[in-house]
N, C-alpha and C. Protein backbone atom coordinates (compact mmCIF):
# COMPACT_ATOMS: atom_id res chain seq x y z
N MET A 1 2.81 19.80 -2.45
CA MET A 1 1.69 19.10 -3.05
C MET A 1 2.14 18.24 -4.21
N GLU A 2 3.13 18.79 -4.93
CA GLU A 2 3.68 18.03 -6.18
C GLU A 2 4.29 16.76 -5.66
N PHE A 3 5.06 16.77 -4.49
CA PHE A 3 5.71 15.63 -4.07
C PHE A 3 4.69 14.62 -3.58
N ALA A 4 3.51 15.02 -2.84
CA ALA A 4 2.56 14.14 -2.44
C ALA A 4 1.91 13.51 -3.52
N GLN A 5 1.62 14.22 -4.62
CA GLN A 5 0.97 13.64 -5.76
C GLN A 5 1.75 12.55 -6.47
N LYS A 6 3.13 12.85 -6.54
CA LYS A 6 4.07 11.96 -7.20
C LYS A 6 4.04 10.71 -6.39
N LEU A 7 4.25 10.81 -5.11
CA LEU A 7 4.41 9.62 -4.25
C LEU A 7 3.14 8.84 -4.17
N THR A 8 1.99 9.42 -4.34
CA THR A 8 0.72 8.72 -4.38
C THR A 8 0.49 8.06 -5.67
N ALA A 9 0.56 8.82 -6.70
CA ALA A 9 0.06 8.26 -8.03
C ALA A 9 1.13 7.64 -8.88
N ARG A 10 2.38 8.14 -8.74
CA ARG A 10 3.51 7.66 -9.52
C ARG A 10 4.73 7.47 -8.58
N PRO A 11 4.66 6.62 -7.68
CA PRO A 11 5.76 6.45 -6.61
C PRO A 11 7.10 6.06 -7.36
N TRP A 12 7.00 5.40 -8.44
CA TRP A 12 8.19 4.94 -9.15
C TRP A 12 9.01 6.15 -9.77
N THR A 13 8.44 7.30 -9.76
CA THR A 13 9.16 8.51 -10.31
C THR A 13 9.88 9.29 -9.18
N VAL A 14 9.61 8.95 -8.02
CA VAL A 14 10.21 9.72 -6.93
C VAL A 14 11.69 9.40 -6.65
N GLY A 15 12.51 10.43 -6.68
CA GLY A 15 13.96 10.18 -6.49
C GLY A 15 14.62 11.32 -5.73
N PRO A 16 16.01 11.32 -5.65
CA PRO A 16 16.63 12.29 -4.77
C PRO A 16 16.31 13.69 -5.19
N ALA A 17 16.06 14.01 -6.51
CA ALA A 17 15.77 15.31 -6.89
C ALA A 17 14.42 15.87 -6.25
N ASP A 18 13.56 15.03 -6.00
CA ASP A 18 12.27 15.48 -5.33
C ASP A 18 12.60 15.78 -3.83
N ILE A 19 13.47 15.05 -3.29
CA ILE A 19 13.83 15.34 -1.91
C ILE A 19 14.65 16.64 -1.75
N ARG A 20 15.51 16.93 -2.69
CA ARG A 20 16.25 18.09 -2.73
C ARG A 20 15.36 19.32 -2.83
N GLN A 21 14.22 19.16 -3.57
CA GLN A 21 13.20 20.23 -3.77
C GLN A 21 12.68 20.59 -2.39
N LEU A 22 12.37 19.47 -1.61
CA LEU A 22 11.79 19.62 -0.29
C LEU A 22 12.81 20.40 0.61
N THR A 23 14.11 19.94 0.57
CA THR A 23 15.15 20.64 1.40
C THR A 23 15.24 22.04 1.00
N ALA A 24 15.23 22.37 -0.28
CA ALA A 24 15.27 23.79 -0.76
C ALA A 24 14.20 24.63 -0.28
N ALA A 25 13.02 23.93 -0.10
CA ALA A 25 11.85 24.67 0.44
C ALA A 25 11.80 24.73 1.94
N GLY A 26 12.84 24.21 2.67
CA GLY A 26 13.00 24.46 3.98
C GLY A 26 12.70 23.22 4.90
N PHE A 27 12.54 22.12 4.35
CA PHE A 27 12.20 20.89 5.02
C PHE A 27 13.53 20.31 5.58
N SER A 28 13.45 20.03 6.95
CA SER A 28 14.47 19.27 7.56
C SER A 28 14.40 17.78 7.30
N ARG A 29 15.44 17.01 7.71
CA ARG A 29 15.35 15.51 7.49
C ARG A 29 14.07 15.01 8.30
N PRO A 30 13.87 15.26 9.55
CA PRO A 30 12.65 14.79 10.19
C PRO A 30 11.42 15.22 9.45
N SER A 31 11.34 16.46 9.02
CA SER A 31 10.18 16.97 8.40
C SER A 31 9.93 16.21 7.13
N THR A 32 10.94 15.93 6.34
CA THR A 32 10.73 15.10 5.17
C THR A 32 10.26 13.70 5.46
N VAL A 33 10.85 13.10 6.47
CA VAL A 33 10.40 11.72 6.87
C VAL A 33 8.93 11.80 7.23
N LEU A 34 8.53 12.83 7.99
CA LEU A 34 7.17 12.96 8.40
C LEU A 34 6.20 13.15 7.11
N ALA A 35 6.64 13.96 6.10
CA ALA A 35 5.90 14.12 4.97
C ALA A 35 5.67 12.88 4.19
N VAL A 36 6.79 12.06 4.10
CA VAL A 36 6.70 10.74 3.45
C VAL A 36 5.71 9.89 4.23
N GLY A 37 5.80 9.86 5.55
CA GLY A 37 4.94 9.05 6.33
C GLY A 37 3.44 9.40 6.17
N LEU A 38 3.16 10.67 6.19
CA LEU A 38 1.85 11.15 5.94
C LEU A 38 1.28 10.73 4.64
N VAL A 39 2.04 10.84 3.67
CA VAL A 39 1.51 10.54 2.36
C VAL A 39 1.24 8.88 2.27
N ALA A 40 2.13 8.24 2.82
CA ALA A 40 2.06 6.84 2.90
C ALA A 40 0.68 6.45 3.62
N MET A 41 0.53 7.07 4.82
CA MET A 41 -0.66 6.73 5.70
C MET A 41 -1.92 6.94 4.94
N PHE A 42 -2.00 8.17 4.16
CA PHE A 42 -3.25 8.42 3.47
C PHE A 42 -3.49 7.47 2.29
N ASN A 43 -2.40 6.75 1.83
CA ASN A 43 -2.62 5.81 0.86
C ASN A 43 -3.13 4.54 1.51
N TYR A 44 -3.02 4.43 2.71
CA TYR A 44 -3.66 3.29 3.45
C TYR A 44 -5.09 3.63 3.74
N LEU A 45 -5.38 4.90 4.22
CA LEU A 45 -6.68 5.27 4.61
C LEU A 45 -7.66 5.20 3.39
N THR A 46 -7.25 5.86 2.27
CA THR A 46 -8.07 5.89 1.12
C THR A 46 -8.39 4.57 0.56
N ARG A 47 -7.48 3.49 0.66
CA ARG A 47 -7.79 2.17 0.26
C ARG A 47 -8.81 1.42 1.16
N VAL A 48 -8.64 1.70 2.43
CA VAL A 48 -9.52 1.09 3.42
C VAL A 48 -10.96 1.67 3.16
N ALA A 49 -11.06 2.99 2.98
CA ALA A 49 -12.32 3.60 2.71
C ALA A 49 -12.99 3.16 1.46
N ASP A 50 -12.17 2.95 0.33
CA ASP A 50 -12.73 2.62 -0.92
C ASP A 50 -13.02 1.15 -0.92
N GLY A 51 -12.22 0.37 -0.23
CA GLY A 51 -12.38 -1.09 -0.11
C GLY A 51 -13.68 -1.52 0.61
N THR A 52 -13.99 -0.74 1.65
CA THR A 52 -15.10 -1.04 2.53
C THR A 52 -16.39 -0.26 2.16
N GLY A 53 -16.15 0.81 1.38
CA GLY A 53 -17.33 1.69 1.12
C GLY A 53 -17.63 2.72 2.15
N ILE A 54 -16.57 3.07 3.04
CA ILE A 54 -16.83 4.01 4.06
C ILE A 54 -16.93 5.40 3.50
N GLU A 55 -17.90 6.10 3.93
CA GLU A 55 -18.11 7.61 3.52
C GLU A 55 -17.50 8.43 4.63
N ALA A 56 -17.03 9.60 4.11
CA ALA A 56 -16.45 10.59 5.12
C ALA A 56 -17.52 11.04 6.02
N ASP A 57 -17.29 11.15 7.27
CA ASP A 57 -18.27 11.67 8.29
C ASP A 57 -17.89 13.00 8.78
N TYR A 58 -17.06 13.77 8.07
CA TYR A 58 -16.63 15.05 8.46
C TYR A 58 -16.71 16.06 7.30
N GLN A 59 -16.77 17.33 7.61
CA GLN A 59 -16.78 18.38 6.62
C GLN A 59 -15.38 18.67 6.16
N SER A 60 -15.26 19.07 4.90
CA SER A 60 -13.92 19.44 4.37
C SER A 60 -14.05 20.60 3.38
N PRO A 61 -13.06 21.55 3.50
CA PRO A 61 -13.14 22.64 2.51
C PRO A 61 -12.76 22.15 1.07
N LEU A 62 -12.24 21.01 0.93
CA LEU A 62 -11.78 20.48 -0.39
C LEU A 62 -12.97 20.04 -1.23
N PRO A 63 -12.93 20.26 -2.51
CA PRO A 63 -14.08 19.79 -3.31
C PRO A 63 -14.30 18.31 -3.18
N ARG A 64 -15.41 17.83 -3.31
CA ARG A 64 -15.75 16.51 -3.21
C ARG A 64 -15.25 15.68 -4.40
N PHE A 65 -14.57 14.60 -4.10
CA PHE A 65 -13.96 13.91 -5.21
C PHE A 65 -15.15 13.26 -6.12
N VAL A 66 -15.06 13.36 -7.43
CA VAL A 66 -16.06 12.87 -8.43
C VAL A 66 -15.49 11.58 -9.08
N TYR A 67 -16.20 10.50 -8.91
CA TYR A 67 -15.71 9.24 -9.54
C TYR A 67 -16.02 9.26 -11.01
N ARG A 68 -15.11 8.95 -11.80
CA ARG A 68 -15.28 8.89 -13.29
C ARG A 68 -15.09 7.52 -13.74
N ASP A 69 -16.20 6.81 -14.07
CA ASP A 69 -16.13 5.43 -14.47
C ASP A 69 -15.20 5.30 -15.59
N GLY A 70 -14.32 4.22 -15.41
CA GLY A 70 -13.43 3.89 -16.46
C GLY A 70 -12.11 4.55 -16.36
N THR A 71 -11.89 5.47 -15.47
CA THR A 71 -10.53 6.08 -15.15
C THR A 71 -9.56 5.02 -14.68
N GLY A 72 -8.61 4.76 -15.40
CA GLY A 72 -7.59 3.80 -15.08
C GLY A 72 -6.46 4.22 -14.41
N SER A 73 -5.51 3.37 -14.07
CA SER A 73 -4.34 3.74 -13.37
C SER A 73 -3.31 4.24 -14.34
N VAL A 74 -2.27 4.88 -13.81
CA VAL A 74 -1.13 5.32 -14.67
C VAL A 74 -0.33 4.10 -15.07
N PRO A 75 0.05 3.99 -16.33
CA PRO A 75 0.89 2.86 -16.81
C PRO A 75 2.16 2.73 -15.81
N ARG A 76 2.55 1.54 -15.50
CA ARG A 76 3.68 1.21 -14.80
C ARG A 76 4.84 0.96 -15.75
N PRO A 77 6.12 1.37 -15.33
CA PRO A 77 7.24 1.04 -16.16
C PRO A 77 7.58 -0.49 -15.94
N GLY A 78 8.56 -0.91 -16.75
CA GLY A 78 9.03 -2.38 -16.66
C GLY A 78 9.93 -2.36 -15.44
N ARG A 79 10.07 -3.61 -14.99
CA ARG A 79 10.78 -3.83 -13.63
C ARG A 79 12.17 -3.17 -13.67
N GLN A 80 12.75 -3.12 -14.88
CA GLN A 80 14.08 -2.60 -14.98
C GLN A 80 14.18 -1.11 -14.67
N ASP A 81 13.08 -0.51 -14.67
CA ASP A 81 12.95 1.01 -14.43
C ASP A 81 12.41 1.31 -13.06
N TRP A 82 12.18 0.31 -12.27
CA TRP A 82 11.66 0.53 -10.88
C TRP A 82 12.69 1.30 -10.07
N PRO A 83 12.24 2.10 -9.15
CA PRO A 83 13.27 2.90 -8.38
C PRO A 83 14.00 1.92 -7.37
N PRO A 84 15.35 2.25 -7.09
CA PRO A 84 16.15 1.49 -6.17
C PRO A 84 15.41 1.60 -4.80
N VAL A 85 15.12 0.57 -4.11
CA VAL A 85 14.52 0.69 -2.75
C VAL A 85 15.32 -0.29 -1.89
N ASP A 86 15.77 0.27 -0.74
CA ASP A 86 16.61 -0.51 0.19
C ASP A 86 15.99 -0.47 1.54
N ARG A 87 16.83 -0.69 2.54
CA ARG A 87 16.32 -0.71 4.07
C ARG A 87 16.26 0.66 4.60
N SER A 88 16.30 1.63 3.76
CA SER A 88 16.26 3.08 4.29
C SER A 88 14.98 3.32 5.08
N VAL A 89 14.05 2.34 5.13
CA VAL A 89 12.85 2.54 5.99
C VAL A 89 13.34 2.77 7.42
N GLU A 90 14.49 2.35 7.75
CA GLU A 90 15.04 2.61 9.09
C GLU A 90 15.18 4.10 9.36
N LEU A 91 15.16 4.92 8.44
CA LEU A 91 15.25 6.45 8.60
C LEU A 91 13.94 6.84 9.47
N LEU A 92 12.93 6.05 9.38
CA LEU A 92 11.72 6.37 10.25
C LEU A 92 12.05 6.52 11.68
N ALA A 93 13.20 5.98 12.10
CA ALA A 93 13.65 6.09 13.48
C ALA A 93 13.96 7.66 13.84
N LEU A 94 14.04 8.48 12.89
CA LEU A 94 14.20 9.92 13.21
C LEU A 94 12.90 10.35 14.00
N LEU A 95 11.87 9.66 13.80
CA LEU A 95 10.51 9.98 14.45
C LEU A 95 10.20 8.75 15.36
N PRO A 96 10.84 8.61 16.49
CA PRO A 96 10.66 7.52 17.31
C PRO A 96 9.18 6.99 17.58
N ASP A 97 8.38 7.91 17.96
CA ASP A 97 7.02 7.55 18.22
C ASP A 97 6.23 7.03 16.95
N VAL A 98 6.49 7.65 15.78
CA VAL A 98 5.97 7.21 14.58
C VAL A 98 6.47 5.78 14.27
N ALA A 99 7.82 5.57 14.36
CA ALA A 99 8.41 4.35 14.06
C ALA A 99 7.77 3.24 14.92
N ALA A 100 7.67 3.48 16.22
CA ALA A 100 7.07 2.52 17.12
C ALA A 100 5.64 2.04 16.72
N ALA A 101 4.88 3.13 16.40
CA ALA A 101 3.47 2.84 15.95
C ALA A 101 3.40 2.02 14.71
N TRP A 102 4.23 2.41 13.69
CA TRP A 102 4.27 1.76 12.42
C TRP A 102 4.72 0.29 12.56
N ASN A 103 5.67 0.06 13.41
CA ASN A 103 6.12 -1.37 13.66
C ASN A 103 5.00 -2.19 14.42
N ARG A 104 4.33 -1.58 15.34
CA ARG A 104 3.26 -2.26 15.90
C ARG A 104 2.12 -2.65 14.97
N TRP A 105 1.85 -1.64 14.03
CA TRP A 105 0.93 -1.85 13.05
C TRP A 105 1.26 -3.03 12.09
N ARG A 106 2.47 -3.02 11.74
CA ARG A 106 3.04 -4.09 10.86
C ARG A 106 2.97 -5.47 11.49
N ASP A 107 3.30 -5.49 12.75
CA ASP A 107 3.33 -6.71 13.52
C ASP A 107 1.92 -7.30 13.62
N TYR A 108 0.92 -6.46 13.79
CA TYR A 108 -0.39 -6.86 13.87
C TYR A 108 -0.95 -7.40 12.53
N LEU A 109 -0.83 -6.60 11.48
CA LEU A 109 -1.42 -6.93 10.21
C LEU A 109 -0.62 -8.00 9.47
N VAL A 110 0.71 -8.00 9.44
CA VAL A 110 1.48 -8.84 8.63
C VAL A 110 1.94 -10.14 9.38
N ASP A 111 2.40 -9.97 10.56
CA ASP A 111 3.03 -11.01 11.33
C ASP A 111 2.14 -11.64 12.30
N GLY A 112 1.10 -11.04 12.77
CA GLY A 112 0.41 -11.31 13.97
C GLY A 112 -0.69 -12.46 13.57
N PRO A 113 -1.47 -13.03 14.51
CA PRO A 113 -2.50 -13.93 14.22
C PRO A 113 -3.61 -13.16 13.54
N GLY A 114 -4.40 -13.86 12.68
CA GLY A 114 -5.46 -13.20 11.97
C GLY A 114 -6.23 -14.13 11.22
N PRO A 115 -7.20 -13.73 10.62
CA PRO A 115 -8.22 -14.69 9.95
C PRO A 115 -7.74 -15.18 8.64
N ILE A 116 -6.71 -14.59 8.13
CA ILE A 116 -6.11 -15.09 6.81
C ILE A 116 -4.63 -15.63 7.02
N ALA A 117 -4.37 -16.64 6.26
CA ALA A 117 -3.05 -17.31 6.46
C ALA A 117 -1.85 -16.41 6.02
N PRO A 118 -0.67 -16.66 6.66
CA PRO A 118 0.54 -15.83 6.28
C PRO A 118 0.85 -16.05 4.82
N ALA A 119 0.61 -17.17 4.22
CA ALA A 119 0.89 -17.34 2.76
C ALA A 119 -0.02 -16.45 1.96
N THR A 120 -1.28 -16.26 2.40
CA THR A 120 -2.21 -15.38 1.71
C THR A 120 -1.80 -13.92 1.88
N ARG A 121 -1.38 -13.62 3.03
CA ARG A 121 -0.87 -12.16 3.27
C ARG A 121 0.29 -11.93 2.36
N HIS A 122 1.18 -12.81 2.26
CA HIS A 122 2.36 -12.60 1.34
C HIS A 122 1.86 -12.45 -0.11
N GLN A 123 0.90 -13.22 -0.55
CA GLN A 123 0.36 -12.98 -1.86
C GLN A 123 -0.13 -11.69 -2.05
N LEU A 124 -1.04 -11.25 -1.11
CA LEU A 124 -1.65 -9.88 -1.24
C LEU A 124 -0.51 -8.71 -1.20
N ARG A 125 0.43 -8.88 -0.33
CA ARG A 125 1.48 -7.85 -0.25
C ARG A 125 2.31 -7.77 -1.57
N SER A 126 2.65 -8.92 -2.12
CA SER A 126 3.43 -9.05 -3.28
C SER A 126 2.61 -8.32 -4.45
N THR A 127 1.34 -8.40 -4.57
CA THR A 127 0.58 -7.84 -5.58
C THR A 127 0.55 -6.36 -5.37
N ALA A 128 0.34 -5.89 -4.21
CA ALA A 128 0.32 -4.49 -3.85
C ALA A 128 1.70 -3.82 -4.10
N ALA A 129 2.76 -4.50 -3.80
CA ALA A 129 4.10 -3.92 -3.91
C ALA A 129 4.37 -3.77 -5.45
N ARG A 130 4.01 -4.79 -6.28
CA ARG A 130 4.19 -4.64 -7.64
C ARG A 130 3.45 -3.46 -8.26
N ALA A 131 2.21 -3.19 -7.78
CA ALA A 131 1.43 -2.07 -8.27
C ALA A 131 2.22 -0.72 -7.98
N ALA A 132 3.03 -0.69 -6.95
CA ALA A 132 3.74 0.53 -6.51
C ALA A 132 5.20 0.48 -7.08
N CYS A 133 5.53 -0.63 -7.90
CA CYS A 133 6.85 -0.75 -8.43
C CYS A 133 7.90 -0.75 -7.35
N ASP A 134 7.59 -1.58 -6.23
CA ASP A 134 8.45 -1.76 -5.22
C ASP A 134 8.87 -3.26 -5.15
N ALA A 135 10.28 -3.49 -5.34
CA ALA A 135 10.70 -4.82 -5.47
C ALA A 135 11.06 -5.46 -4.13
N THR A 136 10.80 -4.92 -2.98
CA THR A 136 11.26 -5.41 -1.67
C THR A 136 10.42 -6.66 -1.33
N VAL A 137 9.18 -6.86 -1.86
CA VAL A 137 8.45 -8.08 -1.46
C VAL A 137 8.47 -9.06 -2.57
N ASP A 138 9.16 -10.19 -2.21
CA ASP A 138 9.28 -11.17 -3.29
C ASP A 138 8.05 -11.77 -3.72
N PRO A 139 7.87 -12.21 -5.06
CA PRO A 139 6.74 -12.86 -5.57
C PRO A 139 6.50 -14.12 -4.77
N PRO A 140 5.29 -14.64 -4.55
CA PRO A 140 4.98 -15.92 -3.89
C PRO A 140 5.77 -17.11 -4.59
N GLY A 141 6.38 -17.99 -3.77
CA GLY A 141 6.99 -19.16 -4.39
C GLY A 141 6.27 -20.38 -3.88
N PRO A 142 6.79 -21.61 -4.26
CA PRO A 142 6.11 -22.84 -3.85
C PRO A 142 5.92 -22.93 -2.36
N GLU A 143 6.83 -22.31 -1.60
CA GLU A 143 6.67 -22.44 -0.23
C GLU A 143 5.53 -21.64 0.38
N ASP A 144 4.92 -20.81 -0.46
CA ASP A 144 3.83 -19.91 -0.09
C ASP A 144 2.45 -20.47 -0.61
N ALA A 145 2.56 -21.70 -0.97
CA ALA A 145 1.26 -22.32 -1.56
C ALA A 145 0.24 -22.51 -0.44
N GLY A 146 0.70 -22.50 0.82
CA GLY A 146 -0.28 -22.76 1.87
C GLY A 146 -0.66 -24.21 2.07
N SER A 147 -1.58 -24.59 2.96
CA SER A 147 -2.02 -25.83 3.20
C SER A 147 -3.52 -25.83 3.22
N GLU A 148 -4.13 -27.10 3.28
CA GLU A 148 -5.62 -27.19 3.32
C GLU A 148 -6.27 -26.51 4.46
N ASP A 149 -5.40 -26.13 5.50
CA ASP A 149 -6.02 -25.50 6.70
C ASP A 149 -5.94 -23.98 6.60
N ASP A 150 -5.29 -23.43 5.58
CA ASP A 150 -5.18 -22.06 5.43
C ASP A 150 -6.55 -21.43 5.22
N ALA A 151 -6.79 -20.25 5.88
CA ALA A 151 -8.08 -19.56 5.68
C ALA A 151 -8.01 -18.83 4.43
N ARG A 152 -8.12 -19.44 3.29
CA ARG A 152 -8.09 -18.77 2.05
C ARG A 152 -9.39 -18.62 1.32
N GLY A 153 -10.36 -19.38 1.78
CA GLY A 153 -11.65 -19.39 1.06
C GLY A 153 -11.72 -20.66 0.21
N GLY A 154 -12.74 -20.75 -0.53
CA GLY A 154 -12.95 -22.05 -1.39
C GLY A 154 -12.37 -21.99 -2.74
N PRO A 155 -12.77 -22.77 -3.61
CA PRO A 155 -12.24 -22.77 -4.98
C PRO A 155 -12.33 -21.49 -5.73
N GLY A 156 -11.22 -21.09 -6.32
CA GLY A 156 -11.15 -19.85 -7.01
C GLY A 156 -10.77 -18.70 -6.17
N SER A 157 -10.43 -18.94 -4.90
CA SER A 157 -10.16 -17.79 -3.97
C SER A 157 -8.88 -17.13 -4.32
N ASP A 158 -7.82 -17.87 -4.85
CA ASP A 158 -6.57 -17.32 -5.17
C ASP A 158 -6.67 -16.34 -6.19
N GLU A 159 -7.41 -16.65 -7.25
CA GLU A 159 -7.60 -15.72 -8.34
C GLU A 159 -8.39 -14.51 -7.90
N ALA A 160 -9.47 -14.77 -7.10
CA ALA A 160 -10.24 -13.62 -6.72
C ALA A 160 -9.42 -12.71 -5.78
N LEU A 161 -8.59 -13.28 -4.95
CA LEU A 161 -7.77 -12.44 -4.07
C LEU A 161 -6.79 -11.58 -4.93
N ALA A 162 -6.18 -12.21 -5.84
CA ALA A 162 -5.24 -11.47 -6.73
C ALA A 162 -5.92 -10.37 -7.48
N THR A 163 -7.08 -10.59 -8.02
CA THR A 163 -7.85 -9.67 -8.76
C THR A 163 -8.24 -8.46 -7.81
N PHE A 164 -8.76 -8.82 -6.65
CA PHE A 164 -9.19 -7.78 -5.63
C PHE A 164 -7.91 -6.93 -5.25
N ALA A 165 -6.87 -7.57 -4.96
CA ALA A 165 -5.63 -6.80 -4.43
C ALA A 165 -5.00 -5.93 -5.48
N ASP A 166 -5.03 -6.39 -6.72
CA ASP A 166 -4.50 -5.52 -7.82
C ASP A 166 -5.43 -4.38 -8.14
N LYS A 167 -6.66 -4.47 -8.10
CA LYS A 167 -7.70 -3.41 -8.30
C LYS A 167 -7.58 -2.45 -7.10
N LEU A 168 -7.54 -2.93 -5.89
CA LEU A 168 -7.45 -2.02 -4.71
C LEU A 168 -6.18 -1.18 -4.72
N SER A 169 -5.13 -1.78 -5.21
CA SER A 169 -3.84 -1.16 -5.27
C SER A 169 -3.69 -0.14 -6.34
N ARG A 170 -4.20 -0.45 -7.60
CA ARG A 170 -4.06 0.37 -8.77
C ARG A 170 -5.14 1.39 -8.91
N THR A 171 -6.39 0.98 -8.72
CA THR A 171 -7.54 1.86 -8.94
C THR A 171 -8.53 1.73 -7.91
N PRO A 172 -8.12 2.20 -6.63
CA PRO A 172 -9.05 2.08 -5.45
C PRO A 172 -10.38 2.85 -5.63
N TRP A 173 -10.39 3.95 -6.51
CA TRP A 173 -11.49 4.72 -6.66
C TRP A 173 -12.64 3.97 -7.57
N LEU A 174 -12.24 2.85 -8.07
CA LEU A 174 -13.24 2.08 -8.81
C LEU A 174 -13.81 0.90 -8.10
N MET A 175 -13.45 0.75 -6.80
CA MET A 175 -13.85 -0.39 -6.02
C MET A 175 -15.38 -0.21 -5.77
N SER A 176 -16.08 -1.35 -5.74
CA SER A 176 -17.50 -1.36 -5.47
C SER A 176 -17.85 -2.56 -4.64
N SER A 177 -19.16 -2.68 -4.24
CA SER A 177 -19.59 -3.80 -3.42
C SER A 177 -19.51 -5.06 -4.17
N ALA A 178 -19.43 -5.00 -5.50
CA ALA A 178 -19.32 -6.30 -6.28
C ALA A 178 -18.00 -6.99 -6.01
N ASP A 179 -16.94 -6.05 -5.80
CA ASP A 179 -15.55 -6.64 -5.60
C ASP A 179 -15.51 -7.34 -4.24
N VAL A 180 -16.16 -6.80 -3.21
CA VAL A 180 -16.28 -7.52 -1.93
C VAL A 180 -17.13 -8.72 -2.11
N ASP A 181 -18.17 -8.70 -2.74
CA ASP A 181 -19.09 -9.88 -2.95
C ASP A 181 -18.35 -10.99 -3.67
N ALA A 182 -17.38 -10.66 -4.60
CA ALA A 182 -16.52 -11.69 -5.27
C ALA A 182 -15.73 -12.48 -4.22
N LEU A 183 -15.19 -11.84 -3.27
CA LEU A 183 -14.39 -12.50 -2.20
C LEU A 183 -15.41 -13.32 -1.33
N ARG A 184 -16.45 -12.86 -0.95
CA ARG A 184 -17.47 -13.51 -0.18
C ARG A 184 -17.96 -14.84 -0.90
N SER A 185 -17.99 -14.75 -2.02
CA SER A 185 -18.50 -15.85 -2.96
C SER A 185 -17.49 -17.05 -2.84
N THR A 186 -16.27 -16.75 -2.45
CA THR A 186 -15.32 -17.89 -2.37
C THR A 186 -15.32 -18.47 -0.98
N GLY A 187 -16.14 -17.96 -0.06
CA GLY A 187 -16.29 -18.50 1.21
C GLY A 187 -15.56 -17.72 2.38
N LEU A 188 -14.94 -16.58 1.93
CA LEU A 188 -14.37 -15.72 3.00
C LEU A 188 -15.39 -14.91 3.72
N ASP A 189 -15.27 -14.96 5.15
CA ASP A 189 -16.31 -14.14 5.92
C ASP A 189 -15.83 -12.75 6.00
N ASP A 190 -16.65 -11.91 6.59
CA ASP A 190 -16.50 -10.51 6.56
C ASP A 190 -15.18 -10.10 7.29
N ARG A 191 -14.90 -10.76 8.40
CA ARG A 191 -13.60 -10.50 9.15
C ARG A 191 -12.42 -10.81 8.21
N SER A 192 -12.43 -11.93 7.48
CA SER A 192 -11.31 -12.24 6.57
C SER A 192 -11.23 -11.09 5.41
N VAL A 193 -12.33 -10.72 4.90
CA VAL A 193 -12.41 -9.67 3.86
C VAL A 193 -11.83 -8.36 4.46
N LEU A 194 -12.10 -8.00 5.64
CA LEU A 194 -11.54 -6.76 6.21
C LEU A 194 -9.96 -6.83 6.32
N HIS A 195 -9.58 -8.06 6.70
CA HIS A 195 -8.12 -8.24 6.89
C HIS A 195 -7.47 -8.17 5.54
N VAL A 196 -8.08 -8.76 4.50
CA VAL A 196 -7.48 -8.59 3.18
C VAL A 196 -7.30 -7.16 2.73
N ILE A 197 -8.45 -6.35 2.97
CA ILE A 197 -8.36 -4.96 2.59
C ILE A 197 -7.14 -4.21 3.31
N ALA A 198 -7.15 -4.54 4.63
CA ALA A 198 -6.12 -3.92 5.49
C ALA A 198 -4.69 -4.24 5.04
N VAL A 199 -4.48 -5.53 4.63
CA VAL A 199 -3.10 -5.95 4.26
C VAL A 199 -2.77 -5.18 2.92
N VAL A 200 -3.63 -5.28 1.96
CA VAL A 200 -3.39 -4.59 0.69
C VAL A 200 -3.07 -3.09 0.85
N ALA A 201 -3.93 -2.46 1.71
CA ALA A 201 -3.75 -1.07 1.98
C ALA A 201 -2.43 -0.82 2.78
N TYR A 202 -2.13 -1.66 3.76
CA TYR A 202 -0.81 -1.53 4.41
C TYR A 202 0.27 -1.56 3.47
N GLN A 203 0.26 -2.54 2.62
CA GLN A 203 1.47 -2.62 1.68
C GLN A 203 1.54 -1.45 0.74
N SER A 204 0.40 -0.99 0.39
CA SER A 204 0.42 0.28 -0.53
C SER A 204 1.12 1.47 0.18
N ALA A 205 0.82 1.44 1.53
CA ALA A 205 1.57 2.55 2.33
C ALA A 205 2.96 2.29 2.50
N GLU A 206 3.29 0.97 2.84
CA GLU A 206 4.71 0.71 3.13
C GLU A 206 5.55 0.91 1.85
N SER A 207 5.09 0.51 0.70
CA SER A 207 5.90 0.61 -0.47
C SER A 207 6.21 2.08 -0.75
N ARG A 208 5.29 2.98 -0.47
CA ARG A 208 5.59 4.36 -0.61
C ARG A 208 6.39 4.91 0.45
N LEU A 209 6.32 4.43 1.69
CA LEU A 209 7.28 4.78 2.73
C LEU A 209 8.70 4.34 2.30
N ARG A 210 8.87 3.17 1.91
CA ARG A 210 10.16 2.72 1.47
C ARG A 210 10.78 3.49 0.26
N ILE A 211 9.93 3.77 -0.69
CA ILE A 211 10.39 4.47 -1.89
C ILE A 211 10.81 5.86 -1.50
N GLY A 212 10.02 6.57 -0.72
CA GLY A 212 10.36 7.86 -0.26
C GLY A 212 11.54 8.05 0.61
N LEU A 213 11.71 7.14 1.63
CA LEU A 213 12.84 7.12 2.37
C LEU A 213 14.17 6.74 1.73
N SER A 214 13.98 5.78 0.71
CA SER A 214 15.16 5.43 -0.08
C SER A 214 15.61 6.59 -0.93
N ALA A 215 14.63 7.40 -1.46
CA ALA A 215 15.06 8.57 -2.11
C ALA A 215 15.76 9.61 -1.21
N LEU A 216 15.29 9.71 -0.02
CA LEU A 216 15.90 10.63 1.03
C LEU A 216 17.34 10.13 1.21
N ALA A 217 17.60 8.87 1.37
CA ALA A 217 18.96 8.32 1.77
C ALA A 217 19.91 8.61 0.48
N ARG A 218 19.31 8.45 -0.72
CA ARG A 218 20.15 8.60 -1.90
C ARG A 218 20.48 10.03 -2.14
N SER A 219 19.64 10.98 -1.69
CA SER A 219 19.92 12.34 -1.80
C SER A 219 20.96 12.94 -0.98
N GLU A 220 21.39 12.13 0.00
CA GLU A 220 22.40 12.52 0.90
C GLU A 220 23.79 11.85 0.55
N ASP A 221 23.77 11.03 -0.48
CA ASP A 221 25.04 10.33 -0.94
C ASP A 221 25.95 11.36 -1.57
């Protein structure tokens, strides 16, 4: 539970010592990879639910989460203190079926055709990665400025998208219908809004996957 909480709320604090604690508790390498993947996936699911306003349609023995207006996110460290993250995401191959499903998911959301332009997806992913203190997604550059044909929405859409992505990444529990309406007001239709939510949620998950698996790789050095 402590590991799941850290990787969810403070991923930048996860390191080899956390992995060694799992190993000491009896987790094998594949089990550790699965634990990281599950935590990452729930970071996706919660953001999709909060971003769209979906309510749980199942019973749970866990106490119902109570929203507390004004509850902010944990302060992020400076970039110099972000965790080292590399291509250790390849460790996901220890679970071949999971790796195949994850790659198909990425291909669809990040690289496939969709209602929002590739440059916009990159902007959203960069914002979500920064919120997780993950340096693997470069900030958008001039080449990511897009074109007049990009499905970005109307005037002010870049600022609205950045604000939406940052809030959904850092404080998903504070999302409301007003945040979605702010995107709609720029001209984005509901299909585009759903894709925005999915891309931000996906990167929130992938950043935690990368950080967790990089910690696993460093624990074995």
